[in-house]
PDB file of N, CA and C in Angstrom:
ATOM      1  N   UNK A   1      19.556  -7.993  -2.558  1.00  0.00           N
ATOM      2  CA  UNK A   1      18.663  -7.865  -2.044  1.00  0.00           C
ATOM      3  C   UNK A   1      18.221  -9.182  -1.363  1.00  0.00           C
ATOM      4  N   UNK A   2      18.386  -9.337  -0.035  1.00  0.00           N
ATOM      5  CA  UNK A   2      18.362 -10.422   0.565  1.00  0.00           C
ATOM      6  C   UNK A   2      16.947 -10.735   1.573  1.00  0.00           C
ATOM      7  N   UNK A   3      16.365  -9.600   2.070  1.00  0.00           N
ATOM      8  CA  UNK A   3      14.883  -9.581   2.697  1.00  0.00           C
ATOM      9  C   UNK A   3      13.795  -9.598   1.867  1.00  0.00           C
ATOM     10  N   UNK A   4      13.388 -10.245   2.147  1.00  0.00           N
ATOM     11  CA  UNK A   4      11.989  -9.955   1.593  1.00  0.00           C
ATOM     12  C   UNK A   4      10.584  -9.110   2.602  1.00  0.00           C
ATOM     13  N   UNK A   5       9.537  -9.162   1.909  1.00  0.00           N
ATOM     14  CA  UNK A   5       8.630  -8.342   1.986  1.00  0.00           C
ATOM     15  C   UNK A   5       7.076  -8.591   1.578  1.00  0.00           C
ATOM     16  N   UNK A   6       5.998  -8.541   2.360  1.00  0.00           N
ATOM     17  CA  UNK A   6       4.839  -8.562   1.305  1.00  0.00           C
ATOM     18  C   UNK A   6       4.845  -7.496  -0.068  1.00  0.00           C
ATOM     19  N   UNK A   7       4.173  -7.869  -0.873  1.00  0.00           N
ATOM     20  CA  UNK A   7       4.145  -7.238  -1.920  1.00  0.00           C
ATOM     21  C   UNK A   7       3.205  -5.885  -1.725  1.00  0.00           C
ATOM     22  N   UNK A   8       2.215  -6.022  -0.999  1.00  0.00           N
ATOM     23  CA  UNK A   8       1.498  -4.943  -0.687  1.00  0.00           C
ATOM     24  C   UNK A   8       2.276  -3.898   0.328  1.00  0.00           C
ATOM     25  N   UNK A   9       3.204  -4.160   0.885  1.00  0.00           N
ATOM     26  CA  UNK A   9       4.165  -3.254   1.567  1.00  0.00           C
ATOM     27  C   UNK A   9       5.445  -2.691   0.611  1.00  0.00           C
ATOM     28  N   UNK A  10       5.480  -2.783  -0.376  1.00  0.00           N
ATOM     29  CA  UNK A  10       6.220  -2.087  -1.717  1.00  0.00           C
ATOM     30  C   UNK A  10       5.790  -0.947  -1.819  1.00  0.00           C
ATOM     31  N   UNK A  11       6.886  -0.156  -1.903  1.00  0.00           N
ATOM     32  CA  UNK A  11       6.510   1.250  -2.403  1.00  0.00           C
ATOM     33  C   UNK A  11       6.395   1.321  -4.096  1.00  0.00           C
ATOM     34  N   UNK A  12       7.138   0.809  -4.401  1.00  0.00           N
ATOM     35  CA  UNK A  12       7.287   0.584  -5.963  1.00  0.00           C
ATOM     36  C   UNK A  12       6.194   0.095  -6.444  1.00  0.00           C
ATOM     37  N   UNK A  13       5.405  -1.031  -6.054  1.00  0.00           N
ATOM     38  CA  UNK A  13       4.024  -1.357  -6.467  1.00  0.00           C
ATOM     39  C   UNK A  13       3.075  -0.170  -6.403  1.00  0.00           C
ATOM     40  N   UNK A  14       3.083   0.031  -5.112  1.00  0.00           N
ATOM     41  CA  UNK A  14       2.094   0.983  -5.019  1.00  0.00           C
ATOM     42  C   UNK A  14       2.078   2.318  -6.144  1.00  0.00           C
ATOM     43  N   UNK A  15       3.508   2.695  -6.010  1.00  0.00           N
ATOM     44  CA  UNK A  15       3.624   4.118  -7.035  1.00  0.00           C
ATOM     45  C   UNK A  15       3.271   3.542  -8.485  1.00  0.00           C
ATOM     46  N   UNK A  16       3.301   2.218  -8.905  1.00  0.00           N
ATOM     47  CA  UNK A  16       3.158   1.816 -10.234  1.00  0.00           C
ATOM     48  C   UNK A  16       1.469   1.580 -10.441  1.00  0.00           C
ATOM     49  N   UNK A  17       0.877   1.480  -9.286  1.00  0.00           N
ATOM     50  CA  UNK A  17      -0.573   1.086  -9.239  1.00  0.00           C
ATOM     51  C   UNK A  17      -0.964   2.679  -9.773  1.00  0.00           C
ATOM     52  N   UNK A  18      -0.718   3.327  -8.790  1.00  0.00           N
ATOM     53  CA  UNK A  18      -0.855   4.987  -8.875  1.00  0.00           C
ATOM     54  C   UNK A  18      -0.744   5.525 -10.057  1.00  0.00           C
ATOM     55  N   UNK A  19       0.490   5.196 -10.694  1.00  0.00           N
ATOM     56  CA  UNK A  19       0.479   6.171 -11.818  1.00  0.00           C
ATOM     57  C   UNK A  19      -0.072   5.227 -13.013  1.00  0.00           C
ATOM     58  N   UNK A  20      -0.952   3.996 -12.850  1.00  0.00           N
ATOM     59  CA  UNK A  20      -1.457   3.522 -13.854  1.00  0.00           C
ATOM     60  C   UNK A  20      -2.918   4.336 -13.521  1.00  0.00           C
ATOM     61  N   UNK A  21      -3.160   4.163 -12.221  1.00  0.00           N
ATOM     62  CA  UNK A  21      -4.689   5.226 -12.016  1.00  0.00           C
ATOM     63  C   UNK A  21      -4.738   6.406 -12.602  1.00  0.00           C
ATOM     64  N   UNK A  22      -3.523   7.337 -12.651  1.00  0.00           N
ATOM     65  CA  UNK A  22      -3.462   8.304 -13.079  1.00  0.00           C
ATOM     66  C   UNK A  22      -3.881   8.582 -14.541  1.00  0.00           C
ATOM     67  N   UNK A  23      -2.833   7.420 -15.040  1.00  0.00           N
ATOM     68  CA  UNK A  23      -3.139   7.605 -16.608  1.00  0.00           C
ATOM     69  C   UNK A  23      -4.289   7.405 -16.912  1.00  0.00           C
ATOM     70  N   UNK A  24      -5.027   6.464 -16.303  1.00  0.00           N
ATOM     71  CA  UNK A  24      -6.093   6.559 -16.905  1.00  0.00           C
ATOM     72  C   UNK A  24      -7.546   7.463 -16.488  1.00  0.00           C
ATOM     73  N   UNK A  25      -6.856   7.933 -14.848  1.00  0.00           N
ATOM     74  CA  UNK A  25      -7.811   9.251 -14.905  1.00  0.00           C
ATOM     75  C   UNK A  25      -7.408  10.200 -15.807  1.00  0.00           C
ATOM     76  N   UNK A  26      -6.497  10.231 -16.478  1.00  0.00           N
ATOM     77  CA  UNK A  26      -6.035  11.479 -17.653  1.00  0.00           C
ATOM     78  C   UNK A  26      -7.138  11.247 -18.797  1.00  0.00           C
ATOM     79  N   UNK A  27      -7.223  10.037 -19.039  1.00  0.00           N
ATOM     80  CA  UNK A  27      -7.947   9.744 -20.294  1.00  0.00           C
ATOM     81  C   UNK A  27      -9.581  10.264 -19.922  1.00  0.00           C
ATOM     82  N   UNK A  28     -10.038  10.341 -18.669  1.00  0.00           N
ATOM     83  CA  UNK A  28     -11.432  10.854 -18.328  1.00  0.00           C
ATOM     84  C   UNK A  28     -11.266  12.137 -18.023  1.00  0.00           C
ATOM     85  N   UNK A  29     -10.276  13.019 -18.073  1.00  0.00           N
ATOM     86  CA  UNK A  29     -10.360  14.301 -17.562  1.00  0.00           C
ATOM     87  C   UNK A  29      -9.582  14.641 -16.051  1.00  0.00           C
ATOM     88  N   UNK A  30      -9.364  13.403 -15.400  1.00  0.00           N
ATOM     89  CA  UNK A  30      -8.526  13.789 -14.093  1.00  0.00           C
ATOM     90  C   UNK A  30      -7.260  13.996 -14.250  1.00  0.00           C
ATOM     91  N   UNK A  31      -6.542  15.196 -13.726  1.00  0.00           N
ATOM     92  CA  UNK A  31      -5.219  15.235 -14.122  1.00  0.00           C
ATOM     93  C   UNK A  31      -4.333  15.063 -12.337  1.00  0.00           C
ATOM     94  N   UNK A  32      -3.425  14.445 -12.520  1.00  0.00           N
ATOM     95  CA  UNK A  32      -2.621  14.143 -11.314  1.00  0.00           C
ATOM     96  C   UNK A  32      -1.275  14.696 -11.374  1.00  0.00           C
ATOM     97  N   UNK A  33      -0.376  15.548 -10.859  1.00  0.00           N
ATOM     98  CA  UNK A  33       0.900  15.657 -11.534  1.00  0.00           C
ATOM     99  C   UNK A  33       1.978  14.625 -10.639  1.00  0.00           C
ATOM    100  N   UNK A  34       3.228  14.656 -10.832  1.00  0.00           N
ATOM    101  CA  UNK A  34       3.862  13.894 -10.387  1.00  0.00           C
ATOM    102  C   UNK A  34       4.290  13.867  -8.907  1.00  0.00           C
ATOM    103  N   UNK A  35       3.999  15.119  -8.660  1.00  0.00           N
ATOM    104  CA  UNK A  35       4.464  15.257  -7.133  1.00  0.00           C
ATOM    105  C   UNK A  35       3.014  14.804  -6.233  1.00  0.00           C
ATOM    106  N   UNK A  36       1.983  14.960  -6.934  1.00  0.00           N
ATOM    107  CA  UNK A  36       0.757  14.321  -6.194  1.00  0.00           C
ATOM    108  C   UNK A  36       0.530  13.257  -6.249  1.00  0.00           C
ATOM    109  N   UNK A  37       1.541  12.403  -6.971  1.00  0.00           N
ATOM    110  CA  UNK A  37       1.220  11.007  -7.359  1.00  0.00           C
ATOM    111  C   UNK A  37       2.247  10.534  -6.215  1.00  0.00           C
ATOM    112  N   UNK A  38       3.225  11.001  -6.079  1.00  0.00           N
ATOM    113  CA  UNK A  38       4.385  10.570  -4.887  1.00  0.00           C
ATOM    114  C   UNK A  38       3.630  10.934  -3.512  1.00  0.00           C
ATOM    115  N   UNK A  39       2.858  11.788  -3.638  1.00  0.00           N
ATOM    116  CA  UNK A  39       2.061  12.041  -2.122  1.00  0.00           C
ATOM    117  C   UNK A  39       1.577  10.986  -1.868  1.00  0.00           C
ATOM    118  N   UNK A  40       0.489  10.539  -2.779  1.00  0.00           N
ATOM    119  CA  UNK A  40      -0.852   9.520  -3.001  1.00  0.00           C
ATOM    120  C   UNK A  40       0.114   8.385  -3.049  1.00  0.00           C
ATOM    121  N   UNK A  41       1.254   8.129  -3.104  1.00  0.00           N
ATOM    122  CA  UNK A  41       1.704   6.614  -3.091  1.00  0.00           C
ATOM    123  C   UNK A  41       2.124   6.538  -1.567  1.00  0.00           C
ATOM    124  N   UNK A  42       2.680   7.760  -1.273  1.00  0.00           N
ATOM    125  CA  UNK A  42       3.161   7.564   0.366  1.00  0.00           C
ATOM    126  C   UNK A  42       1.936   7.401   1.399  1.00  0.00           C
ATOM    127  N   UNK A  43       1.053   8.055   0.914  1.00  0.00           N
ATOM    128  CA  UNK A  43      -0.231   8.061   1.734  1.00  0.00           C
ATOM    129  C   UNK A  43      -0.733   6.664   1.684  1.00  0.00           C
ATOM    130  N   UNK A  44      -1.023   6.155   0.668  1.00  0.00           N
ATOM    131  CA  UNK A  44      -1.634   4.885   0.426  1.00  0.00           C
ATOM    132  C   UNK A  44      -0.514   3.440   1.190  1.00  0.00           C
ATOM    133  N   UNK A  45       0.605   3.729   1.064  1.00  0.00           N
ATOM    134  CA  UNK A  45       1.786   2.780   1.662  1.00  0.00           C
ATOM    135  C   UNK A  45       1.477   2.816   3.112  1.00  0.00           C
ATOM    136  N   UNK A  46       1.267   3.892   3.603  1.00  0.00           N
ATOM    137  CA  UNK A  46       0.907   4.141   5.173  1.00  0.00           C
ATOM    138  C   UNK A  46      -0.278   3.498   5.823  1.00  0.00           C
ATOM    139  N   UNK A  47      -1.333   3.641   4.773  1.00  0.00           N
ATOM    140  CA  UNK A  47      -2.487   3.356   5.460  1.00  0.00           C
ATOM    141  C   UNK A  47      -2.480   1.506   5.232  1.00  0.00           C
ATOM    142  N   UNK A  48      -1.784   1.245   4.086  1.00  0.00           N
ATOM    143  CA  UNK A  48      -1.964  -0.466   4.002  1.00  0.00           C
ATOM    144  C   UNK A  48      -0.692  -0.777   5.064  1.00  0.00           C
ATOM    145  N   UNK A  49       0.090  -0.397   5.483  1.00  0.00           N
ATOM    146  CA  UNK A  49       0.672  -0.565   6.627  1.00  0.00           C
ATOM    147  C   UNK A  49       0.180  -0.729   8.158  1.00  0.00           C
ATOM    148  N   UNK A  50      -0.756   0.411   8.093  1.00  0.00           N
ATOM    149  CA  UNK A  50      -1.409   0.650   9.402  1.00  0.00           C
ATOM    150  C   UNK A  50      -2.447  -0.774   9.434  1.00  0.00           C
ATOM    151  N   UNK A  51      -3.074  -0.441   7.994  1.00  0.00           N
ATOM    152  CA  UNK A  51      -3.852  -2.207   8.056  1.00  0.00           C
ATOM    153  C   UNK A  51      -3.586  -3.437   8.265  1.00  0.00           C
ATOM    154  N   UNK A  52      -2.434  -3.585   7.498  1.00  0.00           N
ATOM    155  CA  UNK A  52      -1.764  -4.655   7.995  1.00  0.00           C
ATOM    156  C   UNK A  52      -1.449  -4.978   9.484  1.00  0.00           C
ATOM    157  N   UNK A  53      -0.795  -4.090  10.231  1.00  0.00           N
ATOM    158  CA  UNK A  53      -0.788  -4.092  11.660  1.00  0.00           C
ATOM    159  C   UNK A  53      -2.012  -4.307  12.353  1.00  0.00           C
ATOM    160  N   UNK A  54      -3.102  -3.664  11.718  1.00  0.00           N
ATOM    161  CA  UNK A  54      -4.262  -4.238  12.655  1.00  0.00           C
ATOM    162  C   UNK A  54      -4.946  -5.449  12.428  1.00  0.00           C
ATOM    163  N   UNK A  55      -4.831  -5.982  11.049  1.00  0.00           N
ATOM    164  CA  UNK A  55      -5.021  -7.471  10.998  1.00  0.00           C
ATOM    165  C   UNK A  55      -4.074  -8.315  11.609  1.00  0.00           C
ATOM    166  N   UNK A  56      -2.961  -7.816  11.758  1.00  0.00           N
ATOM    167  CA  UNK A  56      -2.035  -8.786  12.466  1.00  0.00           C
ATOM    168  C   UNK A  56      -2.112  -8.871  14.270  1.00  0.00           C
ATOM    169  N   UNK A  57      -3.069  -7.568  14.858  1.00  0.00           N
ATOM    170  CA  UNK A  57      -3.176  -7.741  15.866  1.00  0.00           C
ATOM    171  C   UNK A  57      -4.539  -8.458  16.215  1.00  0.00           C
ATOM    172  N   UNK A  58      -5.576  -8.392  15.456  1.00  0.00           N
ATOM    173  CA  UNK A  58      -6.564  -8.847  15.406  1.00  0.00           C
ATOM    174  C   UNK A  58      -6.391 -10.461  15.228  1.00  0.00           C
ATOM    175  N   UNK A  59      -5.742 -10.692  14.707  1.00  0.00           N
ATOM    176  CA  UNK A  59      -5.435 -12.080  14.030  1.00  0.00           C
ATOM    177  C   UNK A  59      -4.686 -12.685  15.225  1.00  0.00           C
ATOM    178  N   UNK A  60      -3.783 -12.150  15.845  1.00  0.00           N
ATOM    179  CA  UNK A  60      -3.177 -12.642  16.891  1.00  0.00           C
ATOM    180  C   UNK A  60      -4.472 -13.028  18.397  1.00  0.00           C
ATOM    181  N   UNK A  61      -5.011 -11.732  18.239  1.00  0.00           N
ATOM    182  CA  UNK A  61      -6.018 -12.056  19.437  1.00  0.00           C
ATOM    183  C   UNK A  61      -7.062 -13.106  19.267  1.00  0.00           C
ATOM    184  N   UNK A  62      -7.348 -13.370  17.957  1.00  0.00           N
ATOM    185  CA  UNK A  62      -8.227 -14.271  17.470  1.00  0.00           C
ATOM    186  C   UNK A  62      -7.810 -15.536  17.439  1.00  0.00           C
ATOM    187  N   UNK A  63      -6.398 -15.674  17.469  1.00  0.00           N
ATOM    188  CA  UNK A  63      -5.651 -17.424  17.464  1.00  0.00           C
ATOM    189  C   UNK A  63      -6.288 -18.035  18.560  1.00  0.00           C
ATOM    190  N   UNK A  64      -6.490 -19.648  18.344  1.00  0.00           N
ATOM    191  CA  UNK A  64      -6.756 -20.328  19.441  1.00  0.00           C
ATOM    192  C   UNK A  64      -5.493 -20.948  20.080  1.00  0.00           C
ATOM    193  N   UNK A  65      -4.031 -20.729  19.470  1.00  0.00           N
ATOM    194  CA  UNK A  65      -2.938 -21.289  20.047  1.00  0.00           C
ATOM    195  C   UNK A  65      -2.120 -20.271  20.648  1.00  0.00           C
ATOM    196  N   UNK A  66      -1.262 -20.520  21.697  1.00  0.00           N
ATOM    197  CA  UNK A  66      -0.409 -19.512  22.547  1.00  0.00           C
ATOM    198  C   UNK A  66       0.619 -19.319  21.463  1.00  0.00           C
ATOM    199  N   UNK A  67       1.340 -18.284  21.293  1.00  0.00           N
ATOM    200  CA  UNK A  67       2.798 -18.488  20.761  1.00  0.00           C
ATOM    201  C   UNK A  67       3.553 -19.053  21.684  1.00  0.00           C
ATOM    202  N   UNK A  68       4.714 -19.786  21.538  1.00  0.00           N
ATOM    203  CA  UNK A  68       5.620 -20.562  22.108  1.00  0.00           C
ATOM    204  C   UNK A  68       6.850 -20.143  22.172  1.00  0.00           C
TER     205      UNK A  68
END
């Protein structure tokens, strides 16, 4: 593994966070099965990637210096 990416674009990190949240939800009576966890992880990762793209565009527009 030679390439790097930000932690928030890692499917593994989001899947793990969703598993933790689903486990916590199970303690209070909310049940999420494995297939739903996978779909939720994919949806969250797509949303995070979209938000990261928007932040990059806004950052470039707001930048004071030109790209050289």
